[in-house]
């Protein structure tokens, strides 16, 4: 690597407040906020919106979409019966 052209690669804490998860890793990301980690050292902290601790897929809280119910609701709303025009009832 050429000196002086690459960003600093250092230890950073990524924190997901919604999932109550924080982990220490190395990154080039920067932050003005800091946090004291379990080892007693102070590291920059990056707050993330979602992680494996709060994502519905990983937590098992994923919603199943009811496509049949949506079609029926659409048909009720617009008065469609599903039969073709001119077909015998």
N, C-alpha and C. Protein backbone atom coordinates (compact mmCIF):
# COMPACT_ATOMS: atom_id res chain seq x y z
N UNK A 1 0.84 -1.19 0.00
CA UNK A 1 0.00 0.00 0.00
C UNK A 1 0.88 1.24 0.00
N UNK A 2 0.45 2.21 -0.76
CA UNK A 2 1.19 3.47 -0.77
C UNK A 2 0.85 4.27 0.47
N UNK A 3 1.81 4.85 1.12
CA UNK A 3 1.53 5.64 2.32
C UNK A 3 0.83 6.96 1.97
N UNK A 4 -0.10 7.35 2.84
CA UNK A 4 -0.73 8.66 2.71
C UNK A 4 -1.97 8.72 1.83
N UNK A 5 -2.35 7.63 1.14
CA UNK A 5 -3.53 7.71 0.27
C UNK A 5 -4.69 6.85 0.77
N UNK A 6 -4.47 6.03 1.77
CA UNK A 6 -5.51 5.14 2.28
C UNK A 6 -6.06 5.68 3.60
N UNK A 7 -7.37 5.49 3.85
CA UNK A 7 -7.94 5.93 5.14
C UNK A 7 -7.40 5.06 6.28
N UNK A 8 -7.46 5.61 7.47
CA UNK A 8 -6.97 4.89 8.64
C UNK A 8 -7.87 3.69 8.93
N UNK A 9 -7.26 2.53 9.16
CA UNK A 9 -7.96 1.29 9.47
C UNK A 9 -7.74 1.01 10.94
N UNK A 10 -8.82 1.14 11.73
CA UNK A 10 -8.67 1.04 13.18
C UNK A 10 -9.88 0.34 13.79
N UNK A 11 -9.81 0.08 15.08
CA UNK A 11 -10.92 -0.56 15.80
C UNK A 11 -12.06 0.43 15.97
N UNK A 12 -13.28 -0.06 15.71
CA UNK A 12 -14.50 0.75 15.80
C UNK A 12 -15.59 -0.12 16.40
N UNK A 13 -16.48 0.48 17.19
CA UNK A 13 -17.63 -0.23 17.75
C UNK A 13 -18.85 0.12 16.91
N UNK A 14 -19.54 -0.90 16.43
CA UNK A 14 -20.82 -0.71 15.75
C UNK A 14 -21.91 -1.07 16.75
N UNK A 15 -22.90 -0.17 16.90
CA UNK A 15 -23.93 -0.34 17.92
C UNK A 15 -25.31 -0.25 17.30
N UNK A 16 -26.15 -1.23 17.60
CA UNK A 16 -27.56 -1.24 17.20
C UNK A 16 -28.38 -1.03 18.45
N UNK A 17 -28.90 0.17 18.63
CA UNK A 17 -29.63 0.48 19.85
C UNK A 17 -30.96 -0.28 19.91
N UNK A 18 -31.61 -0.50 18.77
CA UNK A 18 -32.90 -1.20 18.76
C UNK A 18 -32.73 -2.65 19.19
N UNK A 19 -31.65 -3.28 18.77
CA UNK A 19 -31.42 -4.68 19.10
C UNK A 19 -30.57 -4.88 20.33
N UNK A 20 -30.12 -3.79 20.94
CA UNK A 20 -29.26 -3.84 22.12
C UNK A 20 -28.03 -4.72 21.86
N UNK A 21 -27.35 -4.42 20.75
CA UNK A 21 -26.17 -5.17 20.35
C UNK A 21 -25.06 -4.21 19.99
N UNK A 22 -23.86 -4.51 20.42
CA UNK A 22 -22.68 -3.74 20.04
C UNK A 22 -21.54 -4.72 19.83
N UNK A 23 -20.75 -4.47 18.81
CA UNK A 23 -19.60 -5.34 18.57
C UNK A 23 -18.42 -4.52 18.10
N UNK A 24 -17.25 -4.98 18.48
CA UNK A 24 -16.00 -4.32 18.16
C UNK A 24 -15.38 -5.00 16.96
N UNK A 25 -15.03 -4.20 15.96
CA UNK A 25 -14.39 -4.72 14.76
C UNK A 25 -13.46 -3.66 14.22
N UNK A 26 -12.80 -3.95 13.12
CA UNK A 26 -11.92 -2.97 12.51
C UNK A 26 -12.58 -2.43 11.26
N UNK A 27 -12.43 -1.11 11.03
CA UNK A 27 -13.08 -0.46 9.92
C UNK A 27 -12.38 0.85 9.59
N UNK A 28 -12.69 1.39 8.41
CA UNK A 28 -12.21 2.72 8.05
C UNK A 28 -13.26 3.78 8.32
N UNK A 29 -14.44 3.37 8.82
CA UNK A 29 -15.51 4.32 9.13
C UNK A 29 -15.06 5.26 10.25
N UNK A 30 -15.54 6.50 10.19
CA UNK A 30 -15.17 7.49 11.20
C UNK A 30 -16.40 7.97 11.94
N UNK A 31 -16.20 8.46 13.14
CA UNK A 31 -17.29 8.99 13.96
C UNK A 31 -16.72 9.94 15.00
N UNK A 32 -17.51 10.94 15.36
CA UNK A 32 -17.12 11.87 16.41
C UNK A 32 -17.48 11.34 17.80
N UNK A 33 -18.44 10.40 17.85
CA UNK A 33 -18.87 9.83 19.12
C UNK A 33 -17.91 8.73 19.53
N UNK A 34 -17.75 8.57 20.83
CA UNK A 34 -16.89 7.51 21.36
C UNK A 34 -17.63 6.73 22.44
N UNK A 35 -17.13 5.55 22.73
CA UNK A 35 -17.72 4.71 23.77
C UNK A 35 -16.59 3.96 24.47
N UNK A 36 -16.76 3.74 25.76
CA UNK A 36 -15.77 2.94 26.49
C UNK A 36 -16.18 1.49 26.38
N UNK A 37 -15.31 0.67 25.84
CA UNK A 37 -15.61 -0.73 25.59
C UNK A 37 -15.29 -1.57 26.82
N UNK A 38 -15.65 -2.84 26.78
CA UNK A 38 -15.47 -3.75 27.90
C UNK A 38 -14.02 -3.91 28.34
N UNK A 39 -13.09 -3.67 27.43
CA UNK A 39 -11.67 -3.82 27.78
C UNK A 39 -11.08 -2.57 28.41
N UNK A 40 -11.91 -1.54 28.60
CA UNK A 40 -11.45 -0.31 29.23
C UNK A 40 -10.94 0.75 28.28
N UNK A 41 -10.77 0.42 27.01
CA UNK A 41 -10.31 1.39 26.02
C UNK A 41 -11.50 2.14 25.43
N UNK A 42 -11.24 3.33 24.90
CA UNK A 42 -12.27 4.14 24.26
C UNK A 42 -12.13 4.03 22.76
N UNK A 43 -13.26 3.74 22.08
CA UNK A 43 -13.28 3.56 20.63
C UNK A 43 -14.34 4.44 20.02
N UNK A 44 -14.19 4.80 18.74
CA UNK A 44 -15.27 5.50 18.04
C UNK A 44 -16.46 4.55 17.91
N UNK A 45 -17.66 5.09 17.99
CA UNK A 45 -18.87 4.27 17.88
C UNK A 45 -19.70 4.73 16.69
N UNK A 46 -20.19 3.76 15.91
CA UNK A 46 -21.05 4.02 14.77
C UNK A 46 -22.41 3.41 15.09
N UNK A 47 -23.46 4.21 15.13
CA UNK A 47 -24.81 3.71 15.38
C UNK A 47 -25.43 3.26 14.06
N UNK A 48 -25.92 2.03 14.04
CA UNK A 48 -26.55 1.48 12.85
C UNK A 48 -28.04 1.32 13.09
N UNK A 49 -28.82 1.40 12.02
CA UNK A 49 -30.28 1.30 12.13
C UNK A 49 -30.75 -0.12 12.38
N UNK A 50 -30.06 -1.08 11.76
CA UNK A 50 -30.53 -2.46 11.84
C UNK A 50 -29.34 -3.41 11.82
N UNK A 51 -29.45 -4.49 12.54
CA UNK A 51 -28.41 -5.51 12.55
C UNK A 51 -29.09 -6.87 12.69
N UNK A 52 -28.31 -7.91 12.85
CA UNK A 52 -28.90 -9.23 12.99
C UNK A 52 -29.74 -9.35 14.27
N UNK A 53 -29.50 -8.48 15.24
CA UNK A 53 -30.27 -8.52 16.49
C UNK A 53 -31.63 -7.87 16.35
N UNK A 54 -31.85 -7.04 15.33
CA UNK A 54 -33.13 -6.36 15.20
C UNK A 54 -33.81 -6.59 13.86
N UNK A 55 -33.16 -7.29 12.93
CA UNK A 55 -33.75 -7.54 11.61
C UNK A 55 -34.81 -8.64 11.72
N UNK A 56 -36.02 -8.41 11.15
CA UNK A 56 -37.10 -9.40 11.29
C UNK A 56 -36.74 -10.79 10.77
N UNK A 57 -35.93 -10.89 9.75
CA UNK A 57 -35.56 -12.21 9.24
C UNK A 57 -34.77 -13.01 10.26
N UNK A 58 -33.84 -12.38 10.94
CA UNK A 58 -32.99 -13.08 11.89
C UNK A 58 -33.66 -13.28 13.24
N UNK A 59 -34.61 -12.42 13.60
CA UNK A 59 -35.27 -12.55 14.90
C UNK A 59 -36.48 -13.46 14.85
N UNK A 60 -36.93 -13.84 13.65
CA UNK A 60 -38.10 -14.70 13.53
C UNK A 60 -39.41 -13.95 13.56
N UNK A 61 -39.37 -12.63 13.50
CA UNK A 61 -40.58 -11.82 13.52
C UNK A 61 -40.99 -11.38 12.12
N UNK A 62 -40.56 -12.11 11.11
CA UNK A 62 -40.91 -11.75 9.73
C UNK A 62 -42.40 -11.93 9.51
N UNK A 63 -42.99 -11.00 8.79
CA UNK A 63 -44.42 -11.07 8.49
C UNK A 63 -44.63 -11.83 7.18
N UNK A 64 -45.64 -12.65 7.15
CA UNK A 64 -46.00 -13.36 5.93
C UNK A 64 -47.07 -12.55 5.23
N UNK A 65 -46.84 -12.26 3.96
CA UNK A 65 -47.81 -11.49 3.21
C UNK A 65 -48.95 -12.38 2.75
N UNK A 66 -50.17 -11.90 2.92
CA UNK A 66 -51.35 -12.64 2.52
C UNK A 66 -51.79 -12.15 1.15
N UNK A 67 -51.25 -12.74 0.10
CA UNK A 67 -51.57 -12.26 -1.25
C UNK A 67 -53.00 -12.61 -1.63
N UNK A 68 -53.50 -13.76 -1.17
CA UNK A 68 -54.88 -14.13 -1.51
C UNK A 68 -55.85 -13.12 -0.88
N UNK A 69 -55.59 -12.71 0.34
CA UNK A 69 -56.45 -11.73 0.99
C UNK A 69 -56.42 -10.39 0.29
N UNK A 70 -55.28 -10.02 -0.25
CA UNK A 70 -55.17 -8.76 -0.97
C UNK A 70 -55.97 -8.80 -2.26
N UNK A 71 -55.93 -9.94 -2.95
CA UNK A 71 -56.69 -10.07 -4.20
C UNK A 71 -58.18 -9.99 -3.90
N UNK A 72 -58.62 -10.69 -2.87
CA UNK A 72 -60.04 -10.66 -2.50
C UNK A 72 -60.48 -9.26 -2.10
N UNK A 73 -59.64 -8.57 -1.38
CA UNK A 73 -59.98 -7.20 -0.98
C UNK A 73 -60.06 -6.29 -2.20
N UNK A 74 -59.15 -6.46 -3.16
CA UNK A 74 -59.20 -5.69 -4.39
C UNK A 74 -60.49 -5.97 -5.14
N UNK A 75 -60.89 -7.23 -5.23
CA UNK A 75 -62.11 -7.59 -5.94
C UNK A 75 -63.34 -7.03 -5.24
N UNK A 76 -63.39 -7.06 -3.92
CA UNK A 76 -64.51 -6.47 -3.18
C UNK A 76 -64.58 -4.96 -3.39
N UNK A 77 -63.43 -4.33 -3.37
CA UNK A 77 -63.37 -2.88 -3.49
C UNK A 77 -63.88 -2.41 -4.85
N UNK A 78 -63.51 -3.10 -5.89
CA UNK A 78 -63.85 -2.65 -7.23
C UNK A 78 -64.99 -3.44 -7.85
N UNK A 79 -65.64 -4.30 -7.08
CA UNK A 79 -66.84 -4.98 -7.54
C UNK A 79 -66.60 -6.07 -8.56
N UNK A 80 -65.41 -6.58 -8.63
CA UNK A 80 -65.12 -7.65 -9.58
C UNK A 80 -65.45 -8.99 -8.94
N UNK A 81 -66.05 -9.88 -9.73
CA UNK A 81 -66.42 -11.19 -9.20
C UNK A 81 -65.48 -12.27 -9.64
N UNK A 82 -64.62 -11.97 -10.59
CA UNK A 82 -63.69 -12.97 -11.06
C UNK A 82 -64.19 -13.71 -12.28
N UNK A 83 -65.46 -13.53 -12.66
CA UNK A 83 -65.99 -14.20 -13.84
C UNK A 83 -65.79 -13.31 -15.05
N UNK A 84 -65.70 -13.94 -16.21
CA UNK A 84 -65.50 -13.20 -17.45
C UNK A 84 -66.83 -12.61 -17.90
N UNK A 85 -66.80 -11.44 -18.54
CA UNK A 85 -68.04 -10.85 -19.05
C UNK A 85 -68.68 -11.77 -20.07
N UNK A 86 -69.99 -11.94 -19.98
CA UNK A 86 -70.73 -12.76 -20.94
C UNK A 86 -70.75 -14.22 -20.57
N UNK A 87 -70.10 -14.62 -19.52
CA UNK A 87 -70.11 -16.02 -19.11
C UNK A 87 -71.37 -16.32 -18.34
N UNK A 88 -71.90 -17.51 -18.49
CA UNK A 88 -73.13 -17.90 -17.78
C UNK A 88 -72.84 -18.08 -16.31
N UNK A 89 -73.76 -17.59 -15.47
CA UNK A 89 -73.56 -17.70 -14.02
C UNK A 89 -74.13 -18.97 -13.49
